[in-house]
Amino acid sequence: MSGGYSEVKQNPLWPLLVETAKANPLYAHHLAYIRDRVLPNAKNLDPRELSARLGIPLGEVLVILDELGKL
């Protein structure tokens, strides 16, 4: 599912993106929804597609996928 996004973690701004994404009050809900509802049914979903489908920022999707070991 990485689609070339794995190198984003090498960017020096990655820790700031993680901090910002996790500060979102809905982060835990989005993580659980993606883990429990989306990934079991769509294993090859591109992060951009997932962002558009759920209406959440791409950065948050990347942080969630990384936390779930899918980035």
PDB file of N, CA and C in Angstrom:
ATOM      1  N   MET A   1       0.814  -1.186   0.000  1.00  0.00           N
ATOM      2  CA  MET A   1       0.000   0.000   0.000  1.00  0.00           C
ATOM      3  C   MET A   1       0.859   1.251   0.000  1.00  0.00           C
ATOM      4  N   SER A   2       2.157   1.116   0.131  1.00  0.00           N
ATOM      5  CA  SER A   2       2.991   2.302   0.303  1.00  0.00           C
ATOM      6  C   SER A   2       2.924   3.260  -0.871  1.00  0.00           C
ATOM      7  N   GLY A   3       2.937   2.776  -2.097  1.00  0.00           N
ATOM      8  CA  GLY A   3       2.820   3.639  -3.251  1.00  0.00           C
ATOM      9  C   GLY A   3       3.887   4.716  -3.314  1.00  0.00           C
ATOM     10  N   GLY A   4       5.073   4.440  -2.780  1.00  0.00           N
ATOM     11  CA  GLY A   4       6.147   5.416  -2.814  1.00  0.00           C
ATOM     12  C   GLY A   4       6.122   6.398  -1.659  1.00  0.00           C
ATOM     13  N   TYR A   5       5.323   6.157  -0.666  1.00  0.00           N
ATOM     14  CA  TYR A   5       5.208   7.083   0.460  1.00  0.00           C
ATOM     15  C   TYR A   5       6.160   6.753   1.601  1.00  0.00           C
ATOM     16  N   SER A   6       6.811   5.620   1.565  1.00  0.00           N
ATOM     17  CA  SER A   6       7.654   5.223   2.690  1.00  0.00           C
ATOM     18  C   SER A   6       8.818   6.192   2.913  1.00  0.00           C
ATOM     19  N   GLU A   7       9.292   6.855   1.847  1.00  0.00           N
ATOM     20  CA  GLU A   7      10.407   7.786   2.011  1.00  0.00           C
ATOM     21  C   GLU A   7      10.008   9.062   2.734  1.00  0.00           C
ATOM     22  N   VAL A   8       8.713   9.320   2.869  1.00  0.00           N
ATOM     23  CA  VAL A   8       8.266  10.533   3.567  1.00  0.00           C
ATOM     24  C   VAL A   8       8.739  10.524   5.024  1.00  0.00           C
ATOM     25  N   LYS A   9       8.935   9.347   5.577  1.00  0.00           N
ATOM     26  CA  LYS A   9       9.396   9.244   6.966  1.00  0.00           C
ATOM     27  C   LYS A   9      10.834   9.716   7.131  1.00  0.00           C
ATOM     28  N   GLN A  10      11.575   9.824   6.033  1.00  0.00           N
ATOM     29  CA  GLN A  10      12.958  10.303   6.085  1.00  0.00           C
ATOM     30  C   GLN A  10      13.022  11.830   6.109  1.00  0.00           C
ATOM     31  N   ASN A  11      11.913  12.477   5.797  1.00  0.00           N
ATOM     32  CA  ASN A  11      11.872  13.937   5.780  1.00  0.00           C
ATOM     33  C   ASN A  11      12.004  14.456   7.207  1.00  0.00           C
ATOM     34  N   PRO A  12      12.800  15.507   7.412  1.00  0.00           N
ATOM     35  CA  PRO A  12      12.963  16.037   8.772  1.00  0.00           C
ATOM     36  C   PRO A  12      11.661  16.588   9.373  1.00  0.00           C
ATOM     37  N   LEU A  13      10.662  16.835   8.547  1.00  0.00           N
ATOM     38  CA  LEU A  13       9.392  17.342   9.055  1.00  0.00           C
ATOM     39  C   LEU A  13       8.423  16.220   9.476  1.00  0.00           C
ATOM     40  N   TRP A  14       8.814  14.959   9.263  1.00  0.00           N
ATOM     41  CA  TRP A  14       7.946  13.837   9.621  1.00  0.00           C
ATOM     42  C   TRP A  14       7.493  13.883  11.084  1.00  0.00           C
ATOM     43  N   PRO A  15       8.389  14.105  12.046  1.00  0.00           N
ATOM     44  CA  PRO A  15       7.933  14.161  13.446  1.00  0.00           C
ATOM     45  C   PRO A  15       6.886  15.256  13.696  1.00  0.00           C
ATOM     46  N   LEU A  16       7.000  16.359  12.987  1.00  0.00           N
ATOM     47  CA  LEU A  16       5.999  17.421  13.132  1.00  0.00           C
ATOM     48  C   LEU A  16       4.659  16.995  12.555  1.00  0.00           C
ATOM     49  N   LEU A  17       4.691  16.277  11.439  1.00  0.00           N
ATOM     50  CA  LEU A  17       3.445  15.775  10.848  1.00  0.00           C
ATOM     51  C   LEU A  17       2.775  14.788  11.798  1.00  0.00           C
ATOM     52  N   VAL A  18       3.561  13.909  12.394  1.00  0.00           N
ATOM     53  CA  VAL A  18       3.018  12.939  13.342  1.00  0.00           C
ATOM     54  C   VAL A  18       2.389  13.660  14.537  1.00  0.00           C
ATOM     55  N   GLU A  19       3.094  14.623  15.075  1.00  0.00           N
ATOM     56  CA  GLU A  19       2.586  15.376  16.218  1.00  0.00           C
ATOM     57  C   GLU A  19       1.281  16.095  15.871  1.00  0.00           C
ATOM     58  N   THR A  20       1.244  16.704  14.705  1.00  0.00           N
ATOM     59  CA  THR A  20       0.055  17.443  14.274  1.00  0.00           C
ATOM     60  C   THR A  20      -1.124  16.502  14.048  1.00  0.00           C
ATOM     61  N   ALA A  21      -0.875  15.384  13.370  1.00  0.00           N
ATOM     62  CA  ALA A  21      -1.949  14.432  13.105  1.00  0.00           C
ATOM     63  C   ALA A  21      -2.529  13.874  14.401  1.00  0.00           C
ATOM     64  N   LYS A  22      -1.661  13.531  15.339  1.00  0.00           N
ATOM     65  CA  LYS A  22      -2.120  12.937  16.595  1.00  0.00           C
ATOM     66  C   LYS A  22      -2.799  13.948  17.511  1.00  0.00           C
ATOM     67  N   ALA A  23      -2.589  15.236  17.242  1.00  0.00           N
ATOM     68  CA  ALA A  23      -3.265  16.272  18.028  1.00  0.00           C
ATOM     69  C   ALA A  23      -4.725  16.434  17.620  1.00  0.00           C
ATOM     70  N   ASN A  24      -5.092  15.895  16.474  1.00  0.00           N
ATOM     71  CA  ASN A  24      -6.476  15.953  16.009  1.00  0.00           C
ATOM     72  C   ASN A  24      -7.343  15.138  16.970  1.00  0.00           C
ATOM     73  N   PRO A  25      -8.390  15.734  17.538  1.00  0.00           N
ATOM     74  CA  PRO A  25      -9.245  14.987  18.471  1.00  0.00           C
ATOM     75  C   PRO A  25      -9.889  13.746  17.858  1.00  0.00           C
ATOM     76  N   LEU A  26     -10.006  13.714  16.534  1.00  0.00           N
ATOM     77  CA  LEU A  26     -10.621  12.561  15.876  1.00  0.00           C
ATOM     78  C   LEU A  26      -9.598  11.518  15.412  1.00  0.00           C
ATOM     79  N   TYR A  27      -8.329  11.743  15.712  1.00  0.00           N
ATOM     80  CA  TYR A  27      -7.279  10.835  15.244  1.00  0.00           C
ATOM     81  C   TYR A  27      -7.540   9.388  15.665  1.00  0.00           C
ATOM     82  N   ALA A  28      -7.828   9.159  16.918  1.00  0.00           N
ATOM     83  CA  ALA A  28      -8.052   7.790  17.402  1.00  0.00           C
ATOM     84  C   ALA A  28      -9.246   7.148  16.711  1.00  0.00           C
ATOM     85  N   HIS A  29     -10.286   7.920  16.468  1.00  0.00           N
ATOM     86  CA  HIS A  29     -11.464   7.415  15.759  1.00  0.00           C
ATOM     87  C   HIS A  29     -11.099   7.061  14.316  1.00  0.00           C
ATOM     88  N   HIS A  30     -10.370   7.957  13.654  1.00  0.00           N
ATOM     89  CA  HIS A  30      -9.972   7.692  12.267  1.00  0.00           C
ATOM     90  C   HIS A  30      -9.086   6.457  12.189  1.00  0.00           C
ATOM     91  N   LEU A  31      -8.156   6.322  13.118  1.00  0.00           N
ATOM     92  CA  LEU A  31      -7.275   5.157  13.134  1.00  0.00           C
ATOM     93  C   LEU A  31      -8.086   3.872  13.294  1.00  0.00           C
ATOM     94  N   ALA A  32      -8.994   3.867  14.252  1.00  0.00           N
ATOM     95  CA  ALA A  32      -9.809   2.665  14.494  1.00  0.00           C
ATOM     96  C   ALA A  32     -10.688   2.339  13.289  1.00  0.00           C
ATOM     97  N   TYR A  33     -11.262   3.358  12.679  1.00  0.00           N
ATOM     98  CA  TYR A  33     -12.132   3.136  11.521  1.00  0.00           C
ATOM     99  C   TYR A  33     -11.334   2.550  10.358  1.00  0.00           C
ATOM    100  N   ILE A  34     -10.162   3.115  10.092  1.00  0.00           N
ATOM    101  CA  ILE A  34      -9.336   2.596   9.001  1.00  0.00           C
ATOM    102  C   ILE A  34      -8.890   1.173   9.304  1.00  0.00           C
ATOM    103  N   ARG A  35      -8.455   0.926  10.533  1.00  0.00           N
ATOM    104  CA  ARG A  35      -7.983  -0.407  10.932  1.00  0.00           C
ATOM    105  C   ARG A  35      -9.090  -1.452  10.874  1.00  0.00           C
ATOM    106  N   ASP A  36     -10.266  -1.109  11.404  1.00  0.00           N
ATOM    107  CA  ASP A  36     -11.330  -2.098  11.568  1.00  0.00           C
ATOM    108  C   ASP A  36     -12.279  -2.213  10.383  1.00  0.00           C
ATOM    109  N   ARG A  37     -12.505  -1.120   9.668  1.00  0.00           N
ATOM    110  CA  ARG A  37     -13.512  -1.115   8.610  1.00  0.00           C
ATOM    111  C   ARG A  37     -12.955  -1.027   7.197  1.00  0.00           C
ATOM    112  N   VAL A  38     -11.905  -0.241   7.012  1.00  0.00           N
ATOM    113  CA  VAL A  38     -11.426   0.010   5.663  1.00  0.00           C
ATOM    114  C   VAL A  38     -10.407  -1.029   5.217  1.00  0.00           C
ATOM    115  N   LEU A  39      -9.358  -1.231   6.000  1.00  0.00           N
ATOM    116  CA  LEU A  39      -8.279  -2.125   5.575  1.00  0.00           C
ATOM    117  C   LEU A  39      -8.708  -3.573   5.349  1.00  0.00           C
ATOM    118  N   PRO A  40      -9.583  -4.137   6.167  1.00  0.00           N
ATOM    119  CA  PRO A  40      -9.975  -5.523   5.904  1.00  0.00           C
ATOM    120  C   PRO A  40     -10.671  -5.708   4.545  1.00  0.00           C
ATOM    121  N   ASN A  41     -11.268  -4.645   4.022  1.00  0.00           N
ATOM    122  CA  ASN A  41     -12.019  -4.750   2.772  1.00  0.00           C
ATOM    123  C   ASN A  41     -11.287  -4.186   1.563  1.00  0.00           C
ATOM    124  N   ALA A  42     -10.235  -3.406   1.767  1.00  0.00           N
ATOM    125  CA  ALA A  42      -9.537  -2.756   0.659  1.00  0.00           C
ATOM    126  C   ALA A  42      -8.045  -2.704   0.949  1.00  0.00           C
ATOM    127  N   LYS A  43      -7.385  -3.812   0.801  1.00  0.00           N
ATOM    128  CA  LYS A  43      -5.979  -3.897   1.175  1.00  0.00           C
ATOM    129  C   LYS A  43      -5.053  -3.078   0.268  1.00  0.00           C
ATOM    130  N   ASN A  44      -5.432  -2.819  -0.954  1.00  0.00           N
ATOM    131  CA  ASN A  44      -4.564  -2.109  -1.887  1.00  0.00           C
ATOM    132  C   ASN A  44      -5.010  -0.677  -2.141  1.00  0.00           C
ATOM    133  N   LEU A  45      -5.669  -0.078  -1.198  1.00  0.00           N
ATOM    134  CA  LEU A  45      -6.152   1.294  -1.346  1.00  0.00           C
ATOM    135  C   LEU A  45      -4.986   2.271  -1.225  1.00  0.00           C
ATOM    136  N   ASP A  46      -4.869   3.160  -2.208  1.00  0.00           N
ATOM    137  CA  ASP A  46      -3.828   4.177  -2.208  1.00  0.00           C
ATOM    138  C   ASP A  46      -4.113   5.209  -1.127  1.00  0.00           C
ATOM    139  N   PRO A  47      -3.074   5.707  -0.439  1.00  0.00           N
ATOM    140  CA  PRO A  47      -3.298   6.715   0.605  1.00  0.00           C
ATOM    141  C   PRO A  47      -4.066   7.945   0.114  1.00  0.00           C
ATOM    142  N   ARG A  48      -3.808   8.383  -1.124  1.00  0.00           N
ATOM    143  CA  ARG A  48      -4.560   9.533  -1.659  1.00  0.00           C
ATOM    144  C   ARG A  48      -6.039   9.192  -1.815  1.00  0.00           C
ATOM    145  N   GLU A  49      -6.338   7.988  -2.283  1.00  0.00           N
ATOM    146  CA  GLU A  49      -7.727   7.551  -2.419  1.00  0.00           C
ATOM    147  C   GLU A  49      -8.394   7.486  -1.051  1.00  0.00           C
ATOM    148  N   LEU A  50      -7.668   6.960  -0.086  1.00  0.00           N
ATOM    149  CA  LEU A  50      -8.207   6.839   1.268  1.00  0.00           C
ATOM    150  C   LEU A  50      -8.482   8.221   1.862  1.00  0.00           C
ATOM    151  N   SER A  51      -7.574   9.140   1.641  1.00  0.00           N
ATOM    152  CA  SER A  51      -7.759  10.508   2.110  1.00  0.00           C
ATOM    153  C   SER A  51      -9.018  11.125   1.505  1.00  0.00           C
ATOM    154  N   ALA A  52      -9.178  10.974   0.205  1.00  0.00           N
ATOM    155  CA  ALA A  52     -10.353  11.529  -0.479  1.00  0.00           C
ATOM    156  C   ALA A  52     -11.633  10.826  -0.038  1.00  0.00           C
ATOM    157  N   ARG A  53     -11.568   9.526   0.091  1.00  0.00           N
ATOM    158  CA  ARG A  53     -12.750   8.744   0.470  1.00  0.00           C
ATOM    159  C   ARG A  53     -13.265   9.107   1.861  1.00  0.00           C
ATOM    160  N   LEU A  54     -12.334   9.349   2.799  1.00  0.00           N
ATOM    161  CA  LEU A  54     -12.730   9.636   4.170  1.00  0.00           C
ATOM    162  C   LEU A  54     -12.805  11.126   4.472  1.00  0.00           C
ATOM    163  N   GLY A  55     -12.297  11.945   3.551  1.00  0.00           N
ATOM    164  CA  GLY A  55     -12.321  13.382   3.771  1.00  0.00           C
ATOM    165  C   GLY A  55     -11.394  13.833   4.886  1.00  0.00           C
ATOM    166  N   ILE A  56     -10.255  13.147   5.008  1.00  0.00           N
ATOM    167  CA  ILE A  56      -9.267  13.541   6.010  1.00  0.00           C
ATOM    168  C   ILE A  56      -7.953  13.837   5.288  1.00  0.00           C
ATOM    169  N   PRO A  57      -7.083  14.647   5.893  1.00  0.00           N
ATOM    170  CA  PRO A  57      -5.840  15.028   5.220  1.00  0.00           C
ATOM    171  C   PRO A  57      -4.944  13.834   4.894  1.00  0.00           C
ATOM    172  N   LEU A  58      -4.243  13.951   3.774  1.00  0.00           N
ATOM    173  CA  LEU A  58      -3.304  12.909   3.368  1.00  0.00           C
ATOM    174  C   LEU A  58      -2.252  12.677   4.443  1.00  0.00           C
ATOM    175  N   GLY A  59      -1.767  13.734   5.063  1.00  0.00           N
ATOM    176  CA  GLY A  59      -0.766  13.588   6.122  1.00  0.00           C
ATOM    177  C   GLY A  59      -1.260  12.721   7.259  1.00  0.00           C
ATOM    178  N   GLU A  60      -2.518  12.908   7.655  1.00  0.00           N
ATOM    179  CA  GLU A  60      -3.081  12.086   8.727  1.00  0.00           C
ATOM    180  C   GLU A  60      -3.186  10.631   8.288  1.00  0.00           C
ATOM    181  N   VAL A  61      -3.578  10.407   7.051  1.00  0.00           N
ATOM    182  CA  VAL A  61      -3.656   9.040   6.525  1.00  0.00           C
ATOM    183  C   VAL A  61      -2.276   8.384   6.560  1.00  0.00           C
ATOM    184  N   LEU A  62      -1.255   9.114   6.162  1.00  0.00           N
ATOM    185  CA  LEU A  62       0.102   8.547   6.159  1.00  0.00           C
ATOM    186  C   LEU A  62       0.548   8.195   7.572  1.00  0.00           C
ATOM    187  N   VAL A  63       0.248   9.040   8.541  1.00  0.00           N
ATOM    188  CA  VAL A  63       0.624   8.759   9.925  1.00  0.00           C
ATOM    189  C   VAL A  63      -0.137   7.532  10.419  1.00  0.00           C
ATOM    190  N   ILE A  64      -1.417   7.438  10.119  1.00  0.00           N
ATOM    191  CA  ILE A  64      -2.222   6.286  10.553  1.00  0.00           C
ATOM    192  C   ILE A  64      -1.679   5.004   9.906  1.00  0.00           C
ATOM    193  N   LEU A  65      -1.430   5.030   8.614  1.00  0.00           N
ATOM    194  CA  LEU A  65      -0.922   3.829   7.937  1.00  0.00           C
ATOM    195  C   LEU A  65       0.446   3.431   8.498  1.00  0.00           C
ATOM    196  N   ASP A  66       1.264   4.409   8.820  1.00  0.00           N
ATOM    197  CA  ASP A  66       2.560   4.088   9.432  1.00  0.00           C
ATOM    198  C   ASP A  66       2.357   3.445  10.803  1.00  0.00           C
ATOM    199  N   GLU A  67       1.466   3.996  11.587  1.00  0.00           N
ATOM    200  CA  GLU A  67       1.211   3.436  12.927  1.00  0.00           C
ATOM    201  C   GLU A  67       0.673   2.007  12.831  1.00  0.00           C
ATOM    202  N   LEU A  68      -0.080   1.733  11.776  1.00  0.00           N
ATOM    203  CA  LEU A  68      -0.644   0.397  11.598  1.00  0.00           C
ATOM    204  C   LEU A  68       0.328  -0.538  10.860  1.00  0.00           C
ATOM    205  N   GLY A  69       1.503  -0.035  10.530  1.00  0.00           N
ATOM    206  CA  GLY A  69       2.503  -0.860   9.844  1.00  0.00           C
ATOM    207  C   GLY A  69       2.178  -1.116   8.387  1.00  0.00           C
ATOM    208  N   LYS A  70       1.418  -0.224   7.774  1.00  0.00           N
ATOM    209  CA  LYS A  70       0.998  -0.407   6.375  1.00  0.00           C
ATOM    210  C   LYS A  70       1.637   0.580   5.428  1.00  0.00           C
ATOM    211  N   LEU A  71       2.549   1.417   5.926  1.00  0.00           N
ATOM    212  CA  LEU A  71       3.176   2.414   5.066  1.00  0.00           C
ATOM    213  C   LEU A  71       4.484   1.903   4.524  1.00  0.00           C
TER     214      LEU A  71
END
